[in-house]
Amino acid sequence: MGEGQATWRQILPVFIIFLVFLFAGAGIFKGLEEHFYDPGDPPPRRRKVEHVIQEFVQNVTSNGVTEDEVHSLVRQIEIAKHGRILEQVSYQNDTSYNLDYMESWYFCMTIVTTIGYGHMGPLTDAGKIFCCAYAFIGIPICLILLALVGGQLGDANRWMDKRVKEQLSKKIKNPGFISIVGILVSLIVMLSVFFFIPALIFTLVEEDWSYLEALYYCFITLSTVGFGDFVAALPSDTMAYAVNTIYKFVVFLWIMVGLTFLAGALDLMVTKLKDLGSKVSDLDVPDIDGVNVDMADLKLPKGLKSKMNKDIKPKEVSEWGKTGRYNGGFDTPL
């Protein structure tokens, strides 16, 4: 573990605070949305849906189509397209707006992780104001938690990289090749644990998801792009409520650990690239002392400097190799 790095015991209280923040936010959001929602004056997007339906019914009255039948059709289209009903279409005065608590919790999770699927959103002004304030406080808390856990998982990445190097060094003597293989092994393991295997699980749990769609969902989620065209753990008629609740929490843990592990893997790759850059910058011209060597064909990186911070040109190095004197005006090794 790195110096000054938080331990799992120190991370646990932060994780508990984060969970409390999620559950409290879900309850507040649910209460605000339901309390301030006026069925008699729905949001414009719901009125637009209703207007489209009424217009359609008026155009096909000769066929005896009723608004209820159109509403039923719209619900079936929503289920076929998204796997669930995004919003209640009707806004009659007797239609209540009941927001499920775990759906509210899931929505709060997408806010603080900045995934933002867009599968649901606040309908009331109070809900909109709360979402802004909740994101303003929740996102930094989530980032702190991800940084703490990422440090621990970064150690796991480095441990795995070290083990791979130890095994390869027994058969291969090229340090550069060993370093590249170590990065590739870490990348493959990370992709398998957080992309390939979860995608397979999603194809088994989610209805009508192909493996490519599930893999696409995993990448869009963990990259926090979150288009929302595919969203896991939404309510369905085939899954019991308790099972769906557990499924939501498992998906939440996968997202949190996946985000931190991905950040740790990227940190490892950046560290490797920095080390490689340092080795290139520390490159010195070979110290040729009194040996008759023709260096006319020597290829040097652009911008190479001598130990006295003088610019080195290939032509001057060639002359120095032949005469022992460098045109820069000194007789010391480069």
C-alpha atoms as a PDB file:
ATOM      1  CA  MET A   1       0.000   0.000   0.000  1.00  0.00           C
ATOM      2  CA  GLY A   2       1.316   3.437  -0.931  1.00  0.00           C
ATOM      3  CA  GLU A   3       2.427   5.921   1.705  1.00  0.00           C
ATOM      4  CA  GLY A   4      -0.459   8.008   3.046  1.00  0.00           C
ATOM      5  CA  GLN A   5      -3.018   5.807   1.283  1.00  0.00           C
ATOM      6  CA  ALA A   6      -6.309   5.086   3.024  1.00  0.00           C
ATOM      7  CA  THR A   7      -6.963   1.563   4.290  1.00  0.00           C
ATOM      8  CA  TRP A   8     -10.178  -0.385   3.732  1.00  0.00           C
ATOM      9  CA  ARG A   9     -11.136   0.307   7.353  1.00  0.00           C
ATOM     10  CA  GLN A  10     -10.797   4.046   6.709  1.00  0.00           C
ATOM     11  CA  ILE A  11     -12.715   3.779   3.423  1.00  0.00           C
ATOM     12  CA  LEU A  12     -15.672   1.948   5.022  1.00  0.00           C
ATOM     13  CA  PRO A  13     -17.115   5.025   6.849  1.00  0.00           C
ATOM     14  CA  VAL A  14     -16.967   7.014   3.604  1.00  0.00           C
ATOM     15  CA  PHE A  15     -18.827   4.212   1.816  1.00  0.00           C
ATOM     16  CA  ILE A  16     -21.480   4.117   4.553  1.00  0.00           C
ATOM     17  CA  ILE A  17     -21.930   7.898   4.347  1.00  0.00           C
ATOM     18  CA  PHE A  18     -22.262   7.568   0.583  1.00  0.00           C
ATOM     19  CA  LEU A  19     -24.972   4.886   0.930  1.00  0.00           C
ATOM     20  CA  VAL A  20     -26.854   6.968   3.498  1.00  0.00           C
ATOM     21  CA  PHE A  21     -26.663   9.927   1.133  1.00  0.00           C
ATOM     22  CA  LEU A  22     -28.106   7.799  -1.684  1.00  0.00           C
ATOM     23  CA  PHE A  23     -30.975   6.376   0.349  1.00  0.00           C
ATOM     24  CA  ALA A  24     -31.827   9.735   1.933  1.00  0.00           C
ATOM     25  CA  GLY A  25     -31.751  11.424  -1.455  1.00  0.00           C
ATOM     26  CA  ALA A  26     -34.043   8.788  -2.906  1.00  0.00           C
ATOM     27  CA  GLY A  27     -36.595   9.371  -0.179  1.00  0.00           C
ATOM     28  CA  ILE A  28     -36.454  13.153  -0.554  1.00  0.00           C
ATOM     29  CA  PHE A  29     -36.739  12.967  -4.334  1.00  0.00           C
ATOM     30  CA  LYS A  30     -39.703  10.589  -4.124  1.00  0.00           C
ATOM     31  CA  GLY A  31     -41.469  12.811  -1.587  1.00  0.00           C
ATOM     32  CA  LEU A  32     -40.918  16.021  -3.544  1.00  0.00           C
ATOM     33  CA  GLU A  33     -42.024  14.527  -6.843  1.00  0.00           C
ATOM     34  CA  GLU A  34     -45.214  13.034  -5.446  1.00  0.00           C
ATOM     35  CA  HIS A  35     -46.116  15.986  -3.213  1.00  0.00           C
ATOM     36  CA  PHE A  36     -45.623  18.737  -5.764  1.00  0.00           C
ATOM     37  CA  TYR A  37     -47.046  16.868  -8.726  1.00  0.00           C
ATOM     38  CA  ASP A  38     -50.390  18.318  -9.848  1.00  0.00           C
ATOM     39  CA  PRO A  39     -52.393  15.803 -11.937  1.00  0.00           C
ATOM     40  CA  GLY A  40     -54.565  18.634 -13.192  1.00  0.00           C
ATOM     41  CA  ASP A  41     -51.594  20.566 -14.553  1.00  0.00           C
ATOM     42  CA  PRO A  42     -49.061  18.031 -15.855  1.00  0.00           C
ATOM     43  CA  PRO A  43     -45.670  18.962 -17.343  1.00  0.00           C
ATOM     44  CA  PRO A  44     -45.634  20.080 -20.995  1.00  0.00           C
ATOM     45  CA  ARG A  45     -44.124  16.822 -22.238  1.00  0.00           C
ATOM     46  CA  ARG A  46     -47.059  14.855 -20.828  1.00  0.00           C
ATOM     47  CA  ARG A  47     -49.589  17.315 -22.251  1.00  0.00           C
ATOM     48  CA  LYS A  48     -47.896  16.926 -25.626  1.00  0.00           C
ATOM     49  CA  VAL A  49     -48.337  13.143 -25.517  1.00  0.00           C
ATOM     50  CA  GLU A  50     -51.983  13.548 -24.571  1.00  0.00           C
ATOM     51  CA  HIS A  51     -52.526  16.077 -27.345  1.00  0.00           C
ATOM     52  CA  VAL A  52     -51.023  13.729 -29.935  1.00  0.00           C
ATOM     53  CA  ILE A  53     -53.287  10.907 -28.744  1.00  0.00           C
ATOM     54  CA  GLN A  54     -56.442  13.064 -28.842  1.00  0.00           C
ATOM     55  CA  GLU A  55     -55.563  14.284 -32.315  1.00  0.00           C
ATOM     56  CA  PHE A  56     -55.030  10.705 -33.472  1.00  0.00           C
ATOM     57  CA  VAL A  57     -58.361   9.595 -32.003  1.00  0.00           C
ATOM     58  CA  GLN A  58     -60.198  12.440 -33.744  1.00  0.00           C
ATOM     59  CA  ASN A  59     -58.679  11.451 -37.073  1.00  0.00           C
ATOM     60  CA  VAL A  60     -59.764   7.834 -36.782  1.00  0.00           C
ATOM     61  CA  THR A  61     -63.153   8.209 -35.065  1.00  0.00           C
ATOM     62  CA  SER A  62     -64.772   6.507 -37.991  1.00  0.00           C
ATOM     63  CA  ASN A  63     -63.063   3.284 -36.908  1.00  0.00           C
ATOM     64  CA  GLY A  64     -64.319   3.590 -33.363  1.00  0.00           C
ATOM     65  CA  VAL A  65     -60.887   3.931 -31.712  1.00  0.00           C
ATOM     66  CA  THR A  66     -61.049   5.183 -28.133  1.00  0.00           C
ATOM     67  CA  GLU A  67     -58.448   7.071 -26.132  1.00  0.00           C
ATOM     68  CA  ASP A  68     -58.073   4.131 -23.761  1.00  0.00           C
ATOM     69  CA  GLU A  69     -57.161   1.893 -26.676  1.00  0.00           C
ATOM     70  CA  VAL A  70     -54.589   4.400 -27.874  1.00  0.00           C
ATOM     71  CA  HIS A  71     -53.136   4.673 -24.372  1.00  0.00           C
ATOM     72  CA  SER A  72     -52.863   0.915 -24.268  1.00  0.00           C
ATOM     73  CA  LEU A  73     -51.128   0.950 -27.643  1.00  0.00           C
ATOM     74  CA  VAL A  74     -48.639   3.577 -26.461  1.00  0.00           C
ATOM     75  CA  ARG A  75     -47.865   1.552 -23.344  1.00  0.00           C
ATOM     76  CA  GLN A  76     -47.219  -1.540 -25.441  1.00  0.00           C
ATOM     77  CA  ILE A  77     -44.913   0.458 -27.726  1.00  0.00           C
ATOM     78  CA  GLU A  78     -43.024   1.802 -24.713  1.00  0.00           C
ATOM     79  CA  ILE A  79     -42.573  -1.672 -23.300  1.00  0.00           C
ATOM     80  CA  ALA A  80     -41.430  -3.043 -26.648  1.00  0.00           C
ATOM     81  CA  LYS A  81     -38.999  -0.153 -27.182  1.00  0.00           C
ATOM     82  CA  HIS A  82     -37.574   0.327 -23.682  1.00  0.00           C
ATOM     83  CA  GLY A  83     -38.618  -2.765 -21.774  1.00  0.00           C
ATOM     84  CA  ARG A  84     -40.783  -0.666 -19.461  1.00  0.00           C
ATOM     85  CA  ILE A  85     -43.172   2.288 -19.424  1.00  0.00           C
ATOM     86  CA  LEU A  86     -41.162   5.493 -19.190  1.00  0.00           C
ATOM     87  CA  GLU A  87     -44.048   7.659 -18.023  1.00  0.00           C
ATOM     88  CA  GLN A  88     -47.737   7.457 -17.360  1.00  0.00           C
ATOM     89  CA  VAL A  89     -49.370   8.714 -20.526  1.00  0.00           C
ATOM     90  CA  SER A  90     -52.684   9.731 -19.060  1.00  0.00           C
ATOM     91  CA  TYR A  91     -52.968  12.812 -16.888  1.00  0.00           C
ATOM     92  CA  GLN A  92     -56.589  12.557 -15.845  1.00  0.00           C
ATOM     93  CA  ASN A  93     -57.382  14.115 -12.469  1.00  0.00           C
ATOM     94  CA  ASP A  94     -57.868  10.707 -10.902  1.00  0.00           C
ATOM     95  CA  THR A  95     -54.448   9.531 -12.055  1.00  0.00           C
ATOM     96  CA  SER A  96     -51.967   9.603  -9.175  1.00  0.00           C
ATOM     97  CA  TYR A  97     -48.221   9.850  -9.582  1.00  0.00           C
ATOM     98  CA  ASN A  98     -46.531   7.164  -7.487  1.00  0.00           C
ATOM     99  CA  LEU A  99     -42.752   6.974  -7.695  1.00  0.00           C
ATOM    100  CA  ASP A 100     -41.224   3.684  -6.575  1.00  0.00           C
ATOM    101  CA  TYR A 101     -38.610   4.171  -3.849  1.00  0.00           C
ATOM    102  CA  MET A 102     -35.977   1.854  -5.376  1.00  0.00           C
ATOM    103  CA  GLU A 103     -36.449   3.495  -8.770  1.00  0.00           C
ATOM    104  CA  SER A 104     -35.828   6.815  -7.049  1.00  0.00           C
ATOM    105  CA  TRP A 105     -32.707   5.330  -5.406  1.00  0.00           C
ATOM    106  CA  TYR A 106     -31.478   4.002  -8.739  1.00  0.00           C
ATOM    107  CA  PHE A 107     -32.035   7.420 -10.269  1.00  0.00           C
ATOM    108  CA  CYS A 108     -29.987   9.087  -7.509  1.00  0.00           C
ATOM    109  CA  MET A 109     -27.181   6.622  -8.165  1.00  0.00           C
ATOM    110  CA  THR A 110     -27.066   7.650 -11.820  1.00  0.00           C
ATOM    111  CA  ILE A 111     -26.802  11.292 -10.725  1.00  0.00           C
ATOM    112  CA  VAL A 112     -23.846  11.012  -8.338  1.00  0.00           C
ATOM    113  CA  THR A 113     -21.899   8.701 -10.658  1.00  0.00           C
ATOM    114  CA  THR A 114     -22.551  11.161 -13.543  1.00  0.00           C
ATOM    115  CA  ILE A 115     -23.821   8.284 -15.721  1.00  0.00           C
ATOM    116  CA  GLY A 116     -27.209   9.937 -16.206  1.00  0.00           C
ATOM    117  CA  TYR A 117     -29.054   7.291 -18.223  1.00  0.00           C
ATOM    118  CA  GLY A 118     -31.986   9.622 -18.792  1.00  0.00           C
ATOM    119  CA  HIS A 119     -34.481   6.796 -18.249  1.00  0.00           C
ATOM    120  CA  MET A 120     -36.331   9.024 -15.786  1.00  0.00           C
ATOM    121  CA  GLY A 121     -36.156  12.560 -14.497  1.00  0.00           C
ATOM    122  CA  PRO A 122     -37.927  15.053 -12.248  1.00  0.00           C
ATOM    123  CA  LEU A 123     -41.333  16.277 -13.363  1.00  0.00           C
ATOM    124  CA  THR A 124     -41.846  18.952 -10.719  1.00  0.00           C
ATOM    125  CA  ASP A 125     -39.998  22.227 -10.153  1.00  0.00           C
ATOM    126  CA  ALA A 126     -39.103  21.116  -6.625  1.00  0.00           C
ATOM    127  CA  GLY A 127     -37.669  17.891  -7.999  1.00  0.00           C
ATOM    128  CA  LYS A 128     -35.563  19.778 -10.540  1.00  0.00           C
ATOM    129  CA  ILE A 129     -34.138  22.122  -7.882  1.00  0.00           C
ATOM    130  CA  PHE A 130     -33.400  19.207  -5.582  1.00  0.00           C
ATOM    131  CA  CYS A 131     -31.618  17.285  -8.372  1.00  0.00           C
ATOM    132  CA  CYS A 132     -29.274  20.217  -8.997  1.00  0.00           C
ATOM    133  CA  ALA A 133     -28.418  20.574  -5.306  1.00  0.00           C
ATOM    134  CA  TYR A 134     -28.117  16.814  -4.876  1.00  0.00           C
ATOM    135  CA  ALA A 135     -25.703  16.520  -7.797  1.00  0.00           C
ATOM    136  CA  PHE A 136     -23.658  19.487  -6.523  1.00  0.00           C
ATOM    137  CA  ILE A 137     -23.055  17.701  -3.200  1.00  0.00           C
ATOM    138  CA  GLY A 138     -23.232  14.060  -4.252  1.00  0.00           C
ATOM    139  CA  ILE A 139     -20.790  14.074  -7.172  1.00  0.00           C
ATOM    140  CA  PRO A 140     -17.810  15.249  -5.059  1.00  0.00           C
ATOM    141  CA  ILE A 141     -18.629  12.645  -2.399  1.00  0.00           C
ATOM    142  CA  CYS A 142     -18.730   9.955  -5.078  1.00  0.00           C
ATOM    143  CA  LEU A 143     -15.418  11.138  -6.556  1.00  0.00           C
ATOM    144  CA  ILE A 144     -13.752  11.019  -3.133  1.00  0.00           C
ATOM    145  CA  LEU A 145     -14.995   7.466  -2.608  1.00  0.00           C
ATOM    146  CA  LEU A 146     -13.843   6.418  -6.083  1.00  0.00           C
ATOM    147  CA  ALA A 147     -10.391   7.915  -5.435  1.00  0.00           C
ATOM    148  CA  LEU A 148     -10.024   6.076  -2.123  1.00  0.00           C
ATOM    149  CA  VAL A 149     -11.131   2.723  -3.490  1.00  0.00           C
ATOM    150  CA  GLY A 150      -9.166   3.324  -6.681  1.00  0.00           C
ATOM    151  CA  GLY A 151      -5.963   3.608  -4.672  1.00  0.00           C
ATOM    152  CA  GLN A 152      -6.555   0.167  -3.186  1.00  0.00           C
ATOM    153  CA  LEU A 153      -7.467  -1.401  -6.508  1.00  0.00           C
ATOM    154  CA  GLY A 154      -4.487   0.338  -8.103  1.00  0.00           C
ATOM    155  CA  ASP A 155      -2.314  -1.639  -5.689  1.00  0.00           C
ATOM    156  CA  ALA A 156      -4.044  -4.792  -6.938  1.00  0.00           C
ATOM    157  CA  ASN A 157      -3.199  -3.825 -10.505  1.00  0.00           C
ATOM    158  CA  ARG A 158       0.434  -3.203  -9.597  1.00  0.00           C
ATOM    159  CA  TRP A 159       0.608  -6.486  -7.668  1.00  0.00           C
ATOM    160  CA  MET A 160      -0.698  -8.393 -10.672  1.00  0.00           C
ATOM    161  CA  ASP A 161       1.712  -6.552 -12.963  1.00  0.00           C
ATOM    162  CA  LYS A 162       4.619  -7.467 -10.661  1.00  0.00           C
ATOM    163  CA  ARG A 163       3.647 -11.157 -10.589  1.00  0.00           C
ATOM    164  CA  VAL A 164       3.432 -11.232 -14.385  1.00  0.00           C
ATOM    165  CA  LYS A 165       6.873  -9.652 -14.686  1.00  0.00           C
ATOM    166  CA  GLU A 166       8.370 -12.136 -12.253  1.00  0.00           C
ATOM    167  CA  GLN A 167       7.052 -15.065 -14.265  1.00  0.00           C
ATOM    168  CA  LEU A 168       8.072 -13.632 -17.630  1.00  0.00           C
ATOM    169  CA  SER A 169      11.559 -12.641 -16.454  1.00  0.00           C
ATOM    170  CA  LYS A 170      12.358 -16.298 -15.910  1.00  0.00           C
ATOM    171  CA  LYS A 171      12.045 -16.957 -19.643  1.00  0.00           C
ATOM    172  CA  ILE A 172      12.417 -13.549 -21.310  1.00  0.00           C
ATOM    173  CA  LYS A 173      15.308 -11.128 -20.771  1.00  0.00           C
ATOM    174  CA  ASN A 174      13.889  -8.127 -22.635  1.00  0.00           C
ATOM    175  CA  PRO A 175      12.594  -5.638 -19.995  1.00  0.00           C
ATOM    176  CA  GLY A 176      10.646  -3.593 -22.551  1.00  0.00           C
ATOM    177  CA  PHE A 177       8.785  -6.630 -23.863  1.00  0.00           C
ATOM    178  CA  ILE A 178       8.046  -7.801 -20.319  1.00  0.00           C
ATOM    179  CA  SER A 179       6.605  -4.380 -19.443  1.00  0.00           C
ATOM    180  CA  ILE A 180       4.328  -4.387 -22.501  1.00  0.00           C
ATOM    181  CA  VAL A 181       3.099  -7.917 -21.775  1.00  0.00           C
ATOM    182  CA  GLY A 182       2.404  -6.940 -18.159  1.00  0.00           C
ATOM    183  CA  ILE A 183       0.197  -4.050 -19.263  1.00  0.00           C
ATOM    184  CA  LEU A 184      -1.640  -6.270 -21.762  1.00  0.00           C
ATOM    185  CA  VAL A 185      -2.303  -8.971 -19.130  1.00  0.00           C
ATOM    186  CA  SER A 186      -3.668  -6.376 -16.683  1.00  0.00           C
ATOM    187  CA  LEU A 187      -5.857  -4.933 -19.430  1.00  0.00           C
ATOM    188  CA  ILE A 188      -7.213  -8.345 -20.452  1.00  0.00           C
ATOM    189  CA  VAL A 189      -8.029  -9.273 -16.846  1.00  0.00           C
ATOM    190  CA  MET A 190      -9.754  -5.930 -16.284  1.00  0.00           C
ATOM    191  CA  LEU A 191     -11.783  -6.251 -19.480  1.00  0.00           C
ATOM    192  CA  SER A 192     -12.811  -9.806 -18.573  1.00  0.00           C
ATOM    193  CA  VAL A 193     -13.850  -9.029 -14.992  1.00  0.00           C
ATOM    194  CA  PHE A 194     -15.721  -5.805 -15.689  1.00  0.00           C
ATOM    195  CA  PHE A 195     -16.833  -6.109 -19.319  1.00  0.00           C
ATOM    196  CA  PHE A 196     -16.880  -9.585 -20.863  1.00  0.00           C
ATOM    197  CA  ILE A 197     -18.181 -11.547 -17.857  1.00  0.00           C
ATOM    198  CA  PRO A 198     -20.787  -8.941 -16.743  1.00  0.00           C
ATOM    199  CA  ALA A 199     -22.010  -8.690 -20.330  1.00  0.00           C
ATOM    200  CA  LEU A 200     -22.630 -12.430 -20.326  1.00  0.00           C
ATOM    201  CA  ILE A 201     -24.571 -12.141 -17.065  1.00  0.00           C
ATOM    202  CA  PHE A 202     -26.681  -9.292 -18.449  1.00  0.00           C
ATOM    203  CA  THR A 203     -27.665 -11.395 -21.461  1.00  0.00           C
ATOM    204  CA  LEU A 204     -28.965 -14.052 -19.047  1.00  0.00           C
ATOM    205  CA  VAL A 205     -30.900 -11.644 -16.820  1.00  0.00           C
ATOM    206  CA  GLU A 206     -32.116  -8.915 -19.160  1.00  0.00           C
ATOM    207  CA  GLU A 207     -34.794  -9.823 -21.676  1.00  0.00           C
ATOM    208  CA  ASP A 208     -33.903  -9.664 -25.376  1.00  0.00           C
ATOM    209  CA  TRP A 209     -30.357  -8.371 -24.852  1.00  0.00           C
ATOM    210  CA  SER A 210     -27.768  -9.767 -27.234  1.00  0.00           C
ATOM    211  CA  TYR A 211     -24.183 -10.191 -26.050  1.00  0.00           C
ATOM    212  CA  LEU A 212     -23.060  -7.262 -28.199  1.00  0.00           C
ATOM    213  CA  GLU A 213     -25.773  -5.039 -26.730  1.00  0.00           C
ATOM    214  CA  ALA A 214     -24.809  -6.084 -23.190  1.00  0.00           C
ATOM    215  CA  LEU A 215     -21.119  -5.435 -23.909  1.00  0.00           C
ATOM    216  CA  TYR A 216     -22.050  -2.071 -25.374  1.00  0.00           C
ATOM    217  CA  TYR A 217     -24.068  -1.275 -22.246  1.00  0.00           C
ATOM    218  CA  CYS A 218     -21.106  -2.168 -20.000  1.00  0.00           C
ATOM    219  CA  PHE A 219     -18.773   0.177 -21.842  1.00  0.00           C
ATOM    220  CA  ILE A 220     -21.269   3.044 -22.088  1.00  0.00           C
ATOM    221  CA  THR A 221     -21.987   2.712 -18.364  1.00  0.00           C
ATOM    222  CA  LEU A 222     -18.439   2.441 -16.992  1.00  0.00           C
ATOM    223  CA  SER A 223     -17.248   5.214 -19.291  1.00  0.00           C
ATOM    224  CA  THR A 224     -20.079   7.303 -17.697  1.00  0.00           C
ATOM    225  CA  VAL A 225     -21.403   8.200 -21.158  1.00  0.00           C
ATOM    226  CA  GLY A 226     -24.796   6.708 -20.232  1.00  0.00           C
ATOM    227  CA  PHE A 227     -26.930   7.123 -23.354  1.00  0.00           C
ATOM    228  CA  GLY A 228     -29.864   5.369 -21.678  1.00  0.00           C
ATOM    229  CA  ASP A 229     -30.876   3.283 -24.689  1.00  0.00           C
ATOM    230  CA  PHE A 230     -30.046   0.228 -22.563  1.00  0.00           C
ATOM    231  CA  VAL A 231     -30.543   0.331 -18.789  1.00  0.00           C
ATOM    232  CA  ALA A 232     -30.117  -2.687 -16.524  1.00  0.00           C
ATOM    233  CA  ALA A 233     -32.164  -3.531 -13.436  1.00  0.00           C
ATOM    234  CA  LEU A 234     -35.376  -1.825 -14.487  1.00  0.00           C
ATOM    235  CA  PRO A 235     -38.701  -3.268 -13.265  1.00  0.00           C
ATOM    236  CA  SER A 236     -40.190  -6.076 -15.322  1.00  0.00           C
ATOM    237  CA  ASP A 237     -43.201  -8.368 -15.136  1.00  0.00           C
ATOM    238  CA  THR A 238     -40.992 -11.465 -15.072  1.00  0.00           C
ATOM    239  CA  MET A 239     -38.846 -10.472 -12.068  1.00  0.00           C
ATOM    240  CA  ALA A 240     -40.106 -10.262  -8.483  1.00  0.00           C
ATOM    241  CA  TYR A 241     -39.763  -6.897  -6.735  1.00  0.00           C
ATOM    242  CA  ALA A 242     -37.365  -8.235  -4.074  1.00  0.00           C
ATOM    243  CA  VAL A 243     -35.173  -9.869  -6.713  1.00  0.00           C
ATOM    244  CA  ASN A 244     -35.134  -6.673  -8.753  1.00  0.00           C
ATOM    245  CA  THR A 245     -34.098  -4.716  -5.642  1.00  0.00           C
ATOM    246  CA  ILE A 246     -31.158  -7.056  -5.020  1.00  0.00           C
ATOM    247  CA  TYR A 247     -30.295  -6.898  -8.713  1.00  0.00           C
ATOM    248  CA  LYS A 248     -30.213  -3.083  -8.551  1.00  0.00           C
ATOM    249  CA  PHE A 249     -27.792  -3.145  -5.631  1.00  0.00           C
ATOM    250  CA  VAL A 250     -25.526  -5.667  -7.380  1.00  0.00           C
ATOM    251  CA  VAL A 251     -25.465  -3.479 -10.506  1.00  0.00           C
ATOM    252  CA  PHE A 252     -24.648  -0.501  -8.278  1.00  0.00           C
ATOM    253  CA  LEU A 253     -21.670  -2.343  -6.740  1.00  0.00           C
ATOM    254  CA  TRP A 254     -20.491  -3.405 -10.215  1.00  0.00           C
ATOM    255  CA  ILE A 255     -20.629   0.203 -11.396  1.00  0.00           C
ATOM    256  CA  MET A 256     -18.752   1.565  -8.375  1.00  0.00           C
ATOM    257  CA  VAL A 257     -16.005  -1.063  -8.398  1.00  0.00           C
ATOM    258  CA  GLY A 258     -15.831  -0.996 -12.190  1.00  0.00           C
ATOM    259  CA  LEU A 259     -15.316   2.756 -12.244  1.00  0.00           C
ATOM    260  CA  THR A 260     -12.522   2.561  -9.661  1.00  0.00           C
ATOM    261  CA  PHE A 261     -10.822  -0.441 -11.225  1.00  0.00           C
ATOM    262  CA  LEU A 262     -10.930   1.156 -14.660  1.00  0.00           C
ATOM    263  CA  ALA A 263      -9.414   4.333 -13.211  1.00  0.00           C
ATOM    264  CA  GLY A 264      -6.710   2.247 -11.512  1.00  0.00           C
ATOM    265  CA  ALA A 265      -5.879   0.418 -14.732  1.00  0.00           C
ATOM    266  CA  LEU A 266      -5.628   3.686 -16.634  1.00  0.00           C
ATOM    267  CA  ASP A 267      -3.424   5.086 -13.865  1.00  0.00           C
ATOM    268  CA  LEU A 268      -1.100   2.096 -14.240  1.00  0.00           C
ATOM    269  CA  MET A 269      -0.877   2.615 -17.998  1.00  0.00           C
ATOM    270  CA  VAL A 270      -0.133   6.329 -17.552  1.00  0.00           C
ATOM    271  CA  THR A 271       2.604   5.470 -15.036  1.00  0.00           C
ATOM    272  CA  LYS A 272       4.170   3.057 -17.511  1.00  0.00           C
ATOM    273  CA  LEU A 273       4.130   5.670 -20.257  1.00  0.00           C
ATOM    274  CA  LYS A 274       5.723   8.225 -17.924  1.00  0.00           C
ATOM    275  CA  ASP A 275       8.471   5.751 -17.019  1.00  0.00           C
ATOM    276  CA  LEU A 276       9.091   5.091 -20.694  1.00  0.00           C
ATOM    277  CA  GLY A 277       9.260   8.814 -21.389  1.00  0.00           C
ATOM    278  CA  SER A 278      11.744   9.302 -18.533  1.00  0.00           C
ATOM    279  CA  LYS A 279      14.008   6.598 -19.927  1.00  0.00           C
ATOM    280  CA  VAL A 280      13.972   8.230 -23.354  1.00  0.00           C
ATOM    281  CA  SER A 281      14.743  11.676 -21.913  1.00  0.00           C
ATOM    282  CA  ASP A 282      17.669  10.274 -19.895  1.00  0.00           C
ATOM    283  CA  LEU A 283      19.244   8.764 -22.998  1.00  0.00           C
ATOM    284  CA  ASP A 284      22.971   9.740 -23.302  1.00  0.00           C
ATOM    285  CA  VAL A 285      25.222   9.618 -26.324  1.00  0.00           C
ATOM    286  CA  PRO A 286      27.714   6.687 -26.038  1.00  0.00           C
ATOM    287  CA  ASP A 287      30.982   7.750 -24.384  1.00  0.00           C
ATOM    288  CA  ILE A 288      33.627   7.014 -27.068  1.00  0.00           C
ATOM    289  CA  ASP A 289      37.036   7.701 -25.609  1.00  0.00           C
ATOM    290  CA  GLY A 290      39.941   7.618 -28.069  1.00  0.00           C
ATOM    291  CA  VAL A 291      38.375   4.951 -30.280  1.00  0.00           C
ATOM    292  CA  ASN A 292      38.366   5.483 -34.033  1.00  0.00           C
ATOM    293  CA  VAL A 293      34.647   5.150 -34.723  1.00  0.00           C
ATOM    294  CA  ASP A 294      32.759   6.540 -37.687  1.00  0.00           C
ATOM    295  CA  MET A 295      29.546   8.031 -36.273  1.00  0.00           C
ATOM    296  CA  ALA A 296      28.339   9.643 -39.495  1.00  0.00           C
ATOM    297  CA  ASP A 297      25.387   7.272 -39.680  1.00  0.00           C
ATOM    298  CA  LEU A 298      24.391   7.702 -36.028  1.00  0.00           C
ATOM    299  CA  LYS A 299      20.658   8.485 -35.733  1.00  0.00           C
ATOM    300  CA  LEU A 300      19.813  10.751 -32.827  1.00  0.00           C
ATOM    301  CA  PRO A 301      16.447  11.917 -31.423  1.00  0.00           C
ATOM    302  CA  LYS A 302      15.580  15.503 -32.241  1.00  0.00           C
ATOM    303  CA  GLY A 303      16.400  18.013 -29.533  1.00  0.00           C
ATOM    304  CA  LEU A 304      19.134  15.887 -27.888  1.00  0.00           C
ATOM    305  CA  LYS A 305      21.425  17.931 -25.645  1.00  0.00           C
ATOM    306  CA  SER A 306      24.883  17.405 -24.177  1.00  0.00           C
ATOM    307  CA  LYS A 307      25.646  17.287 -20.458  1.00  0.00           C
ATOM    308  CA  MET A 308      26.368  21.025 -20.636  1.00  0.00           C
ATOM    309  CA  ASN A 309      22.889  21.577 -22.097  1.00  0.00           C
ATOM    310  CA  LYS A 310      24.265  22.294 -25.574  1.00  0.00           C
ATOM    311  CA  ASP A 311      22.290  21.274 -28.631  1.00  0.00           C
ATOM    312  CA  ILE A 312      23.805  18.225 -30.329  1.00  0.00           C
ATOM    313  CA  LYS A 313      23.659  17.834 -34.087  1.00  0.00           C
ATOM    314  CA  PRO A 314      24.393  14.541 -35.871  1.00  0.00           C
ATOM    315  CA  LYS A 315      27.083  16.197 -38.033  1.00  0.00           C
ATOM    316  CA  GLU A 316      28.918  17.552 -34.987  1.00  0.00           C
ATOM    317  CA  VAL A 317      28.768  14.150 -33.291  1.00  0.00           C
ATOM    318  CA  SER A 318      30.263  12.583 -36.398  1.00  0.00           C
ATOM    319  CA  GLU A 319      33.167  15.053 -36.367  1.00  0.00           C
ATOM    320  CA  TRP A 320      33.657  14.539 -32.626  1.00  0.00           C
ATOM    321  CA  GLY A 321      33.839  10.774 -33.179  1.00  0.00           C
ATOM    322  CA  LYS A 322      36.600  11.221 -35.720  1.00  0.00           C
ATOM    323  CA  THR A 323      38.671  14.074 -34.181  1.00  0.00           C
ATOM    324  CA  GLY A 324      37.882  13.807 -30.493  1.00  0.00           C
ATOM    325  CA  ARG A 325      36.777  17.450 -30.441  1.00  0.00           C
ATOM    326  CA  TYR A 326      33.201  18.710 -30.322  1.00  0.00           C
ATOM    327  CA  ASN A 327      32.351  21.868 -32.250  1.00  0.00           C
ATOM    328  CA  GLY A 328      30.561  23.245 -29.249  1.00  0.00           C
ATOM    329  CA  GLY A 329      33.955  24.274 -27.922  1.00  0.00           C
ATOM    330  CA  PHE A 330      34.862  21.721 -25.239  1.00  0.00           C
ATOM    331  CA  ASP A 331      36.695  18.408 -25.080  1.00  0.00           C
ATOM    332  CA  THR A 332      34.472  16.647 -22.599  1.00  0.00           C
ATOM    333  CA  PRO A 333      32.217  13.646 -23.208  1.00  0.00           C
ATOM    334  CA  LEU A 334      28.735  14.427 -24.344  1.00  0.00           C
END
